[in-house]
N, C-alpha and C. Protein backbone atom coordinates (compact mmCIF):
# COMPACT_ATOMS: atom_id res chain seq x y z
N VAL A 1 -40.52 74.26 -105.83
CA VAL A 1 -41.40 74.55 -104.72
C VAL A 1 -42.66 75.21 -105.25
N THR A 2 -43.80 74.83 -104.68
CA THR A 2 -45.08 75.42 -105.06
C THR A 2 -45.89 75.68 -103.79
N ALA A 3 -46.96 76.46 -103.96
CA ALA A 3 -47.89 76.74 -102.85
C ALA A 3 -49.16 75.92 -103.05
N SER A 4 -49.70 75.38 -101.97
CA SER A 4 -50.93 74.59 -102.05
C SER A 4 -52.11 75.44 -102.52
N ASP A 5 -52.05 76.73 -102.23
CA ASP A 5 -53.09 77.67 -102.62
C ASP A 5 -52.37 78.93 -103.10
N THR A 6 -52.55 79.29 -104.36
CA THR A 6 -51.81 80.42 -104.91
C THR A 6 -52.14 81.73 -104.19
N ASP A 7 -53.32 81.82 -103.56
CA ASP A 7 -53.67 83.00 -102.78
C ASP A 7 -53.10 82.93 -101.36
N GLY A 8 -52.61 81.74 -100.96
CA GLY A 8 -52.19 81.50 -99.60
C GLY A 8 -50.89 82.14 -99.21
N GLY A 9 -50.01 82.38 -100.17
CA GLY A 9 -48.72 82.98 -99.84
C GLY A 9 -47.72 82.78 -100.95
N THR A 10 -46.48 83.10 -100.65
CA THR A 10 -45.40 82.99 -101.64
C THR A 10 -44.35 82.00 -101.16
N VAL A 11 -43.64 81.43 -102.15
CA VAL A 11 -42.57 80.47 -101.85
C VAL A 11 -41.32 80.87 -102.61
N SER A 12 -40.18 80.49 -102.08
CA SER A 12 -38.91 80.77 -102.75
C SER A 12 -37.91 79.68 -102.42
N GLY A 13 -36.86 79.59 -103.22
CA GLY A 13 -35.77 78.66 -102.95
C GLY A 13 -35.70 77.49 -103.90
N GLY A 14 -36.68 77.33 -104.76
CA GLY A 14 -36.64 76.24 -105.72
C GLY A 14 -35.57 76.50 -106.77
N GLY A 15 -35.12 75.45 -107.41
CA GLY A 15 -34.11 75.61 -108.47
C GLY A 15 -33.28 74.35 -108.62
N THR A 16 -32.15 74.50 -109.30
CA THR A 16 -31.24 73.38 -109.54
C THR A 16 -30.05 73.51 -108.59
N TYR A 17 -29.73 72.40 -107.91
CA TYR A 17 -28.66 72.38 -106.92
C TYR A 17 -27.75 71.19 -107.17
N LEU A 18 -26.50 71.32 -106.78
CA LEU A 18 -25.55 70.22 -106.87
C LEU A 18 -25.79 69.23 -105.74
N ASP A 19 -25.48 67.97 -105.96
CA ASP A 19 -25.61 66.94 -104.94
C ASP A 19 -24.83 67.36 -103.68
N GLY A 20 -25.50 67.33 -102.53
CA GLY A 20 -24.86 67.69 -101.26
C GLY A 20 -24.93 69.17 -100.94
N GLN A 21 -25.35 69.97 -101.88
CA GLN A 21 -25.44 71.42 -101.64
C GLN A 21 -26.57 71.72 -100.65
N THR A 22 -26.37 72.73 -99.80
CA THR A 22 -27.39 73.15 -98.86
C THR A 22 -28.48 73.93 -99.59
N VAL A 23 -29.72 73.50 -99.35
CA VAL A 23 -30.88 74.14 -99.98
C VAL A 23 -31.75 74.74 -98.88
N THR A 24 -32.17 75.97 -99.09
CA THR A 24 -33.10 76.61 -98.15
C THR A 24 -34.31 77.08 -98.95
N VAL A 25 -35.48 76.59 -98.54
CA VAL A 25 -36.73 77.04 -99.15
C VAL A 25 -37.51 77.81 -98.10
N ALA A 26 -38.30 78.77 -98.54
CA ALA A 26 -39.03 79.61 -97.60
C ALA A 26 -40.46 79.83 -98.09
N ALA A 27 -41.36 79.94 -97.13
CA ALA A 27 -42.77 80.21 -97.40
C ALA A 27 -43.22 81.38 -96.53
N VAL A 28 -43.97 82.29 -97.13
CA VAL A 28 -44.52 83.43 -96.40
C VAL A 28 -46.02 83.45 -96.65
N ALA A 29 -46.78 83.30 -95.58
CA ALA A 29 -48.24 83.28 -95.69
C ALA A 29 -48.77 84.67 -96.05
N GLY A 30 -49.80 84.68 -96.87
CA GLY A 30 -50.46 85.93 -97.24
C GLY A 30 -51.53 86.30 -96.23
N ASP A 31 -52.14 87.46 -96.44
CA ASP A 31 -53.20 87.91 -95.54
C ASP A 31 -54.34 86.89 -95.54
N GLY A 32 -54.79 86.54 -94.34
CA GLY A 32 -55.90 85.62 -94.19
C GLY A 32 -55.50 84.16 -94.31
N TYR A 33 -54.19 83.88 -94.29
CA TYR A 33 -53.70 82.50 -94.38
C TYR A 33 -52.63 82.27 -93.33
N GLU A 34 -52.39 80.99 -93.05
CA GLU A 34 -51.36 80.58 -92.10
C GLU A 34 -50.55 79.47 -92.75
N PHE A 35 -49.24 79.51 -92.55
CA PHE A 35 -48.39 78.44 -93.07
C PHE A 35 -48.57 77.21 -92.19
N ALA A 36 -48.84 76.04 -92.82
CA ALA A 36 -49.10 74.81 -92.06
C ALA A 36 -47.97 73.80 -92.16
N GLY A 37 -47.01 74.00 -93.07
CA GLY A 37 -45.89 73.07 -93.18
C GLY A 37 -45.52 72.81 -94.63
N TRP A 38 -44.34 72.20 -94.80
CA TRP A 38 -43.88 71.74 -96.12
C TRP A 38 -44.25 70.28 -96.26
N SER A 39 -44.79 69.91 -97.43
CA SER A 39 -45.11 68.50 -97.66
C SER A 39 -44.46 68.05 -98.96
N GLU A 40 -44.29 66.72 -99.04
CA GLU A 40 -43.73 66.10 -100.24
C GLU A 40 -44.48 64.78 -100.44
N GLY A 41 -45.17 64.67 -101.57
CA GLY A 41 -45.93 63.46 -101.82
C GLY A 41 -47.04 63.23 -100.81
N GLY A 42 -47.57 64.33 -100.23
CA GLY A 42 -48.65 64.22 -99.26
C GLY A 42 -48.21 64.01 -97.83
N THR A 43 -46.90 63.92 -97.59
CA THR A 43 -46.35 63.72 -96.25
C THR A 43 -45.66 64.99 -95.78
N THR A 44 -45.94 65.41 -94.56
CA THR A 44 -45.28 66.60 -94.02
C THR A 44 -43.81 66.30 -93.76
N VAL A 45 -42.95 67.18 -94.28
CA VAL A 45 -41.50 67.00 -94.09
C VAL A 45 -40.90 68.07 -93.18
N SER A 46 -41.63 69.16 -92.98
CA SER A 46 -41.15 70.20 -92.06
C SER A 46 -42.31 71.11 -91.68
N ALA A 47 -42.32 71.53 -90.41
CA ALA A 47 -43.33 72.48 -89.94
C ALA A 47 -42.79 73.91 -89.96
N GLU A 48 -41.51 74.06 -90.30
CA GLU A 48 -40.86 75.37 -90.29
C GLU A 48 -41.05 76.06 -91.63
N ALA A 49 -41.36 77.35 -91.61
CA ALA A 49 -41.54 78.12 -92.84
C ALA A 49 -40.24 78.20 -93.64
N VAL A 50 -39.12 78.26 -92.95
CA VAL A 50 -37.80 78.22 -93.61
C VAL A 50 -37.24 76.83 -93.35
N TYR A 51 -37.11 76.06 -94.43
CA TYR A 51 -36.71 74.65 -94.35
C TYR A 51 -35.38 74.48 -95.08
N THR A 52 -34.38 73.96 -94.36
CA THR A 52 -33.04 73.76 -94.92
C THR A 52 -32.72 72.27 -94.92
N PHE A 53 -32.14 71.79 -96.04
CA PHE A 53 -31.78 70.38 -96.19
C PHE A 53 -30.64 70.27 -97.20
N GLN A 54 -30.05 69.09 -97.30
CA GLN A 54 -28.98 68.82 -98.26
C GLN A 54 -29.59 68.21 -99.53
N ALA A 55 -29.23 68.73 -100.67
CA ALA A 55 -29.72 68.19 -101.94
C ALA A 55 -29.15 66.78 -102.13
N ALA A 56 -30.05 65.81 -102.40
CA ALA A 56 -29.62 64.43 -102.62
C ALA A 56 -30.43 63.78 -103.73
N ALA A 57 -31.49 64.44 -104.17
CA ALA A 57 -32.35 63.92 -105.24
C ALA A 57 -33.30 65.04 -105.67
N ASP A 58 -33.98 64.82 -106.78
CA ASP A 58 -35.01 65.76 -107.18
C ASP A 58 -36.12 65.72 -106.14
N ARG A 59 -36.67 66.88 -105.79
CA ARG A 59 -37.74 66.94 -104.81
C ARG A 59 -38.81 67.91 -105.29
N GLU A 60 -40.05 67.62 -104.94
CA GLU A 60 -41.17 68.52 -105.22
C GLU A 60 -41.82 68.85 -103.89
N LEU A 61 -41.52 70.03 -103.37
CA LEU A 61 -42.03 70.46 -102.07
C LEU A 61 -43.22 71.40 -102.25
N VAL A 62 -44.22 71.21 -101.40
CA VAL A 62 -45.42 72.04 -101.44
C VAL A 62 -45.56 72.76 -100.10
N ALA A 63 -45.65 74.09 -100.16
CA ALA A 63 -45.92 74.89 -98.96
C ALA A 63 -47.43 74.84 -98.73
N GLU A 64 -47.82 74.27 -97.60
CA GLU A 64 -49.24 74.13 -97.28
C GLU A 64 -49.72 75.38 -96.55
N PHE A 65 -50.67 76.07 -97.17
CA PHE A 65 -51.27 77.26 -96.56
C PHE A 65 -52.72 76.95 -96.22
N VAL A 66 -53.15 77.41 -95.04
CA VAL A 66 -54.51 77.17 -94.56
C VAL A 66 -55.20 78.51 -94.36
N LYS A 67 -56.44 78.61 -94.81
CA LYS A 67 -57.23 79.83 -94.65
C LYS A 67 -57.52 80.06 -93.17
N THR A 68 -57.42 81.31 -92.74
CA THR A 68 -57.73 81.68 -91.36
C THR A 68 -58.82 82.75 -91.35
N TYR A 69 -59.53 82.77 -90.25
CA TYR A 69 -60.60 83.76 -90.07
C TYR A 69 -60.49 84.37 -88.68
N VAL A 70 -61.10 85.54 -88.53
CA VAL A 70 -61.06 86.27 -87.27
C VAL A 70 -62.41 86.17 -86.56
N ILE A 71 -62.35 85.75 -85.30
CA ILE A 71 -63.53 85.74 -84.44
C ILE A 71 -63.39 86.95 -83.51
N THR A 72 -64.28 87.91 -83.69
CA THR A 72 -64.27 89.15 -82.92
C THR A 72 -65.35 89.07 -81.84
N LEU A 73 -64.99 89.49 -80.63
CA LEU A 73 -65.94 89.47 -79.52
C LEU A 73 -66.18 90.89 -79.03
N VAL A 74 -67.45 91.21 -78.78
CA VAL A 74 -67.82 92.52 -78.23
C VAL A 74 -68.76 92.30 -77.05
N VAL A 75 -68.94 93.33 -76.26
CA VAL A 75 -69.79 93.28 -75.07
C VAL A 75 -70.97 94.24 -75.29
N ASP A 76 -72.18 93.76 -74.96
CA ASP A 76 -73.38 94.58 -75.13
C ASP A 76 -74.24 94.47 -73.87
N PRO A 77 -74.50 95.57 -73.15
CA PRO A 77 -74.02 96.91 -73.42
C PRO A 77 -72.55 97.07 -73.00
N ALA A 78 -71.88 98.04 -73.60
CA ALA A 78 -70.47 98.29 -73.31
C ALA A 78 -70.28 98.48 -71.81
N GLY A 79 -69.23 97.89 -71.27
CA GLY A 79 -68.89 98.03 -69.87
C GLY A 79 -69.62 97.08 -68.93
N SER A 80 -70.49 96.22 -69.48
CA SER A 80 -71.28 95.33 -68.61
C SER A 80 -70.59 94.00 -68.32
N GLY A 81 -69.42 93.76 -68.93
CA GLY A 81 -68.70 92.52 -68.70
C GLY A 81 -67.48 92.44 -69.59
N THR A 82 -66.91 91.25 -69.67
CA THR A 82 -65.73 91.02 -70.51
C THR A 82 -65.91 89.71 -71.28
N THR A 83 -65.07 89.52 -72.29
CA THR A 83 -65.10 88.29 -73.08
C THR A 83 -63.68 87.77 -73.26
N SER A 84 -63.58 86.48 -73.59
CA SER A 84 -62.29 85.89 -73.92
C SER A 84 -62.51 84.78 -74.93
N GLY A 85 -61.46 84.48 -75.70
CA GLY A 85 -61.51 83.38 -76.65
C GLY A 85 -61.50 83.80 -78.10
N GLY A 86 -61.62 85.07 -78.40
CA GLY A 86 -61.59 85.53 -79.78
C GLY A 86 -60.17 85.52 -80.32
N GLY A 87 -60.03 85.73 -81.63
CA GLY A 87 -58.71 85.80 -82.25
C GLY A 87 -58.76 85.27 -83.68
N THR A 88 -57.59 84.88 -84.18
CA THR A 88 -57.46 84.35 -85.54
C THR A 88 -57.29 82.84 -85.48
N PHE A 89 -58.10 82.13 -86.28
CA PHE A 89 -58.13 80.67 -86.23
C PHE A 89 -58.22 80.07 -87.62
N ARG A 90 -57.73 78.84 -87.75
CA ARG A 90 -57.85 78.10 -89.01
C ARG A 90 -59.31 77.73 -89.25
N VAL A 91 -59.69 77.70 -90.51
CA VAL A 91 -61.03 77.27 -90.87
C VAL A 91 -61.24 75.85 -90.34
N GLY A 92 -62.43 75.58 -89.78
CA GLY A 92 -62.74 74.27 -89.22
C GLY A 92 -62.34 74.09 -87.77
N SER A 93 -61.61 75.04 -87.21
CA SER A 93 -61.20 74.94 -85.80
C SER A 93 -62.41 75.07 -84.89
N GLU A 94 -62.38 74.36 -83.75
CA GLU A 94 -63.38 74.55 -82.72
C GLU A 94 -62.83 75.57 -81.73
N VAL A 95 -63.62 76.59 -81.47
CA VAL A 95 -63.21 77.69 -80.60
C VAL A 95 -64.24 77.84 -79.48
N THR A 96 -63.76 78.03 -78.26
CA THR A 96 -64.65 78.26 -77.13
C THR A 96 -64.52 79.71 -76.69
N ILE A 97 -65.66 80.41 -76.67
CA ILE A 97 -65.68 81.80 -76.24
C ILE A 97 -66.41 81.88 -74.91
N THR A 98 -65.96 82.81 -74.06
CA THR A 98 -66.49 82.92 -72.70
C THR A 98 -66.83 84.37 -72.39
N ALA A 99 -67.95 84.56 -71.70
CA ALA A 99 -68.37 85.88 -71.24
C ALA A 99 -68.36 85.91 -69.72
N THR A 100 -67.87 87.01 -69.16
CA THR A 100 -67.84 87.18 -67.71
C THR A 100 -68.58 88.47 -67.38
N ALA A 101 -69.65 88.36 -66.61
CA ALA A 101 -70.47 89.52 -66.26
C ALA A 101 -69.74 90.43 -65.28
N GLY A 102 -69.96 91.72 -65.44
CA GLY A 102 -69.45 92.71 -64.51
C GLY A 102 -70.41 92.85 -63.33
N ASP A 103 -70.01 93.62 -62.33
CA ASP A 103 -70.85 93.85 -61.16
C ASP A 103 -72.21 94.39 -61.59
N GLY A 104 -73.27 93.77 -61.05
CA GLY A 104 -74.62 94.22 -61.32
C GLY A 104 -75.21 93.70 -62.62
N TYR A 105 -74.49 92.80 -63.33
CA TYR A 105 -74.97 92.25 -64.59
C TYR A 105 -74.91 90.73 -64.57
N ARG A 106 -75.69 90.10 -65.46
CA ARG A 106 -75.62 88.66 -65.65
C ARG A 106 -75.65 88.38 -67.15
N PHE A 107 -75.03 87.27 -67.52
CA PHE A 107 -74.98 86.88 -68.93
C PHE A 107 -76.37 86.50 -69.41
N SER A 108 -76.70 86.92 -70.64
CA SER A 108 -77.99 86.61 -71.22
C SER A 108 -77.85 85.69 -72.43
N SER A 109 -77.02 86.09 -73.43
CA SER A 109 -76.89 85.28 -74.64
C SER A 109 -75.71 85.75 -75.49
N TRP A 110 -75.39 84.91 -76.47
CA TRP A 110 -74.45 85.28 -77.54
C TRP A 110 -75.28 85.62 -78.76
N GLN A 111 -74.93 86.73 -79.42
CA GLN A 111 -75.61 87.11 -80.65
C GLN A 111 -74.58 87.30 -81.76
N SER A 112 -75.00 87.01 -82.98
CA SER A 112 -74.17 87.25 -84.17
C SER A 112 -75.09 87.76 -85.27
N GLY A 113 -74.73 88.87 -85.85
CA GLY A 113 -75.57 89.45 -86.90
C GLY A 113 -76.94 89.85 -86.40
N GLY A 114 -77.04 90.20 -85.13
CA GLY A 114 -78.30 90.62 -84.55
C GLY A 114 -79.22 89.47 -84.16
N GLU A 115 -78.78 88.23 -84.39
CA GLU A 115 -79.58 87.05 -84.05
C GLU A 115 -78.96 86.31 -82.88
N GLN A 116 -79.79 85.81 -81.98
CA GLN A 116 -79.29 85.00 -80.87
C GLN A 116 -78.79 83.67 -81.41
N VAL A 117 -77.56 83.28 -81.03
CA VAL A 117 -77.01 82.00 -81.48
C VAL A 117 -76.89 80.99 -80.33
N SER A 118 -76.84 81.48 -79.09
CA SER A 118 -76.72 80.56 -77.97
C SER A 118 -76.95 81.29 -76.66
N THR A 119 -77.44 80.52 -75.68
CA THR A 119 -77.52 81.02 -74.31
C THR A 119 -76.50 80.30 -73.43
N SER A 120 -75.67 79.47 -74.07
CA SER A 120 -74.63 78.73 -73.33
C SER A 120 -73.42 79.62 -73.10
N ASN A 121 -72.85 79.48 -71.94
CA ASN A 121 -71.63 80.22 -71.60
C ASN A 121 -70.78 79.33 -70.70
N PRO A 122 -69.63 78.87 -71.18
CA PRO A 122 -69.02 79.22 -72.46
C PRO A 122 -69.74 78.58 -73.65
N TYR A 123 -69.41 79.09 -74.86
CA TYR A 123 -70.03 78.64 -76.10
C TYR A 123 -68.93 78.16 -77.04
N THR A 124 -69.10 76.96 -77.62
CA THR A 124 -68.11 76.41 -78.55
C THR A 124 -68.68 76.45 -79.96
N LEU A 125 -67.89 76.94 -80.90
CA LEU A 125 -68.31 77.08 -82.29
C LEU A 125 -67.25 76.54 -83.22
N THR A 126 -67.63 76.25 -84.45
CA THR A 126 -66.69 75.83 -85.48
C THR A 126 -66.47 77.01 -86.42
N VAL A 127 -65.22 77.36 -86.65
CA VAL A 127 -64.87 78.52 -87.47
C VAL A 127 -65.14 78.23 -88.94
N THR A 128 -66.00 79.04 -89.54
CA THR A 128 -66.34 78.91 -90.96
C THR A 128 -66.08 80.20 -91.73
N GLY A 129 -65.84 81.28 -91.02
CA GLY A 129 -65.59 82.57 -91.66
C GLY A 129 -65.36 83.62 -90.59
N ASN A 130 -65.08 84.85 -91.03
CA ASN A 130 -64.95 85.96 -90.09
C ASN A 130 -66.31 86.17 -89.43
N GLN A 131 -66.33 86.25 -88.11
CA GLN A 131 -67.59 86.46 -87.41
C GLN A 131 -67.38 87.35 -86.19
N THR A 132 -68.43 88.09 -85.87
CA THR A 132 -68.45 88.89 -84.65
C THR A 132 -69.55 88.35 -83.76
N PHE A 133 -69.20 88.10 -82.50
CA PHE A 133 -70.15 87.63 -81.51
C PHE A 133 -70.26 88.68 -80.41
N ALA A 134 -71.49 89.01 -80.05
CA ALA A 134 -71.74 89.94 -78.95
C ALA A 134 -72.18 89.14 -77.73
N ALA A 135 -71.48 89.35 -76.63
CA ALA A 135 -71.91 88.80 -75.34
C ALA A 135 -72.92 89.80 -74.79
N VAL A 136 -74.16 89.37 -74.70
CA VAL A 136 -75.22 90.26 -74.23
C VAL A 136 -75.44 90.02 -72.74
N PHE A 137 -75.37 91.11 -72.00
CA PHE A 137 -75.59 91.05 -70.55
C PHE A 137 -76.84 91.85 -70.21
N GLU A 138 -77.50 91.46 -69.12
CA GLU A 138 -78.64 92.23 -68.64
C GLU A 138 -78.35 92.67 -67.22
N GLN A 139 -78.86 93.84 -66.91
CA GLN A 139 -78.67 94.35 -65.56
C GLN A 139 -79.52 93.53 -64.60
N ILE A 140 -78.94 93.18 -63.46
CA ILE A 140 -79.67 92.44 -62.44
C ILE A 140 -80.58 93.43 -61.70
N PRO A 141 -81.88 93.16 -61.64
CA PRO A 141 -82.78 94.08 -60.92
C PRO A 141 -82.38 94.20 -59.44
N VAL A 142 -82.57 95.41 -58.92
CA VAL A 142 -82.29 95.68 -57.51
C VAL A 142 -83.61 96.04 -56.83
N TYR A 143 -83.87 95.39 -55.71
CA TYR A 143 -85.11 95.62 -54.98
C TYR A 143 -84.79 96.24 -53.62
N THR A 144 -85.70 97.11 -53.16
CA THR A 144 -85.56 97.73 -51.85
C THR A 144 -86.49 96.99 -50.88
N ILE A 145 -85.92 96.51 -49.80
CA ILE A 145 -86.67 95.79 -48.77
C ILE A 145 -86.81 96.72 -47.56
N THR A 146 -88.07 96.98 -47.19
CA THR A 146 -88.32 97.81 -46.00
C THR A 146 -89.15 96.99 -45.01
N ALA A 147 -89.10 97.37 -43.78
CA ALA A 147 -89.88 96.69 -42.75
C ALA A 147 -90.27 97.69 -41.68
N THR A 148 -91.39 97.46 -41.11
CA THR A 148 -91.83 98.30 -39.99
C THR A 148 -92.18 97.40 -38.80
N ILE A 149 -92.21 97.99 -37.66
CA ILE A 149 -92.53 97.27 -36.43
C ILE A 149 -93.93 97.68 -36.00
N ASP A 150 -94.72 96.66 -35.72
CA ASP A 150 -96.09 96.95 -35.29
C ASP A 150 -96.39 96.09 -34.07
N PRO A 151 -96.66 96.61 -32.95
CA PRO A 151 -96.75 98.04 -32.69
C PRO A 151 -95.35 98.67 -32.59
N GLU A 152 -95.30 99.91 -32.97
CA GLU A 152 -94.06 100.66 -32.97
C GLU A 152 -93.41 100.59 -31.58
N GLY A 153 -92.07 100.37 -31.60
CA GLY A 153 -91.31 100.34 -30.36
C GLY A 153 -91.31 98.99 -29.65
N SER A 154 -91.96 97.95 -30.23
CA SER A 154 -92.05 96.67 -29.54
C SER A 154 -90.92 95.70 -29.90
N GLY A 155 -89.97 96.14 -30.74
CA GLY A 155 -88.86 95.26 -31.11
C GLY A 155 -87.95 95.95 -32.12
N THR A 156 -87.08 95.16 -32.72
CA THR A 156 -86.17 95.70 -33.72
C THR A 156 -86.28 94.89 -35.01
N VAL A 157 -85.82 95.49 -36.10
CA VAL A 157 -85.86 94.86 -37.42
C VAL A 157 -84.47 95.00 -38.04
N THR A 158 -83.98 93.89 -38.66
CA THR A 158 -82.72 93.95 -39.41
C THR A 158 -82.94 93.39 -40.80
N GLY A 159 -82.02 93.64 -41.70
CA GLY A 159 -82.09 93.07 -43.05
C GLY A 159 -82.72 93.95 -44.09
N THR A 160 -83.07 95.16 -43.73
CA THR A 160 -83.64 96.05 -44.72
C THR A 160 -82.53 96.60 -45.62
N GLY A 161 -82.89 97.10 -46.77
CA GLY A 161 -81.91 97.68 -47.68
C GLY A 161 -82.16 97.26 -49.10
N GLN A 162 -81.15 97.42 -49.94
CA GLN A 162 -81.28 97.09 -51.36
C GLN A 162 -80.59 95.76 -51.64
N TYR A 163 -81.28 94.91 -52.42
CA TYR A 163 -80.77 93.58 -52.73
C TYR A 163 -80.94 93.31 -54.23
N GLN A 164 -79.95 92.64 -54.81
CA GLN A 164 -80.07 92.21 -56.19
C GLN A 164 -81.00 91.00 -56.25
N GLU A 165 -81.72 90.87 -57.36
CA GLU A 165 -82.59 89.72 -57.55
C GLU A 165 -81.80 88.43 -57.29
N GLY A 166 -82.41 87.54 -56.50
CA GLY A 166 -81.76 86.27 -56.19
C GLY A 166 -80.98 86.28 -54.89
N GLU A 167 -80.71 87.48 -54.33
CA GLU A 167 -79.99 87.52 -53.06
C GLU A 167 -80.94 87.16 -51.94
């Protein structure tokens, strides 16, 4: 048994076995990696990290390890909304992240490393490394609407008060 990437994790269970003997091989992914399956000759033979079979011939099993990265999501300014979609993903994965504005705020953009990367919400990205994305929200302006009656006492007015932009 071998590992596809020596940094990807450890393997055990290889050795010499009698015909018909039960063989158990195991793979443990290292930090920043995920176990993707056991392969033999380029074909996946098991998706389980602990693979048990009966010895019937010489075999060369490879534990396939895949690099993973963390997508971290933050809210700017703090308390102005929420995010979803972050986590740990395989390199090359497409991930969709979503921002939800809190009361009195609206979504503005996604930023990474202080640079705007998108104004789309939700936003889909391809994982290439550890990244932090900030969901930037802006406060919705509030306007005060007043009205007077001219001449005074000749009628009534309704609808005055404070309104968010767009209301």
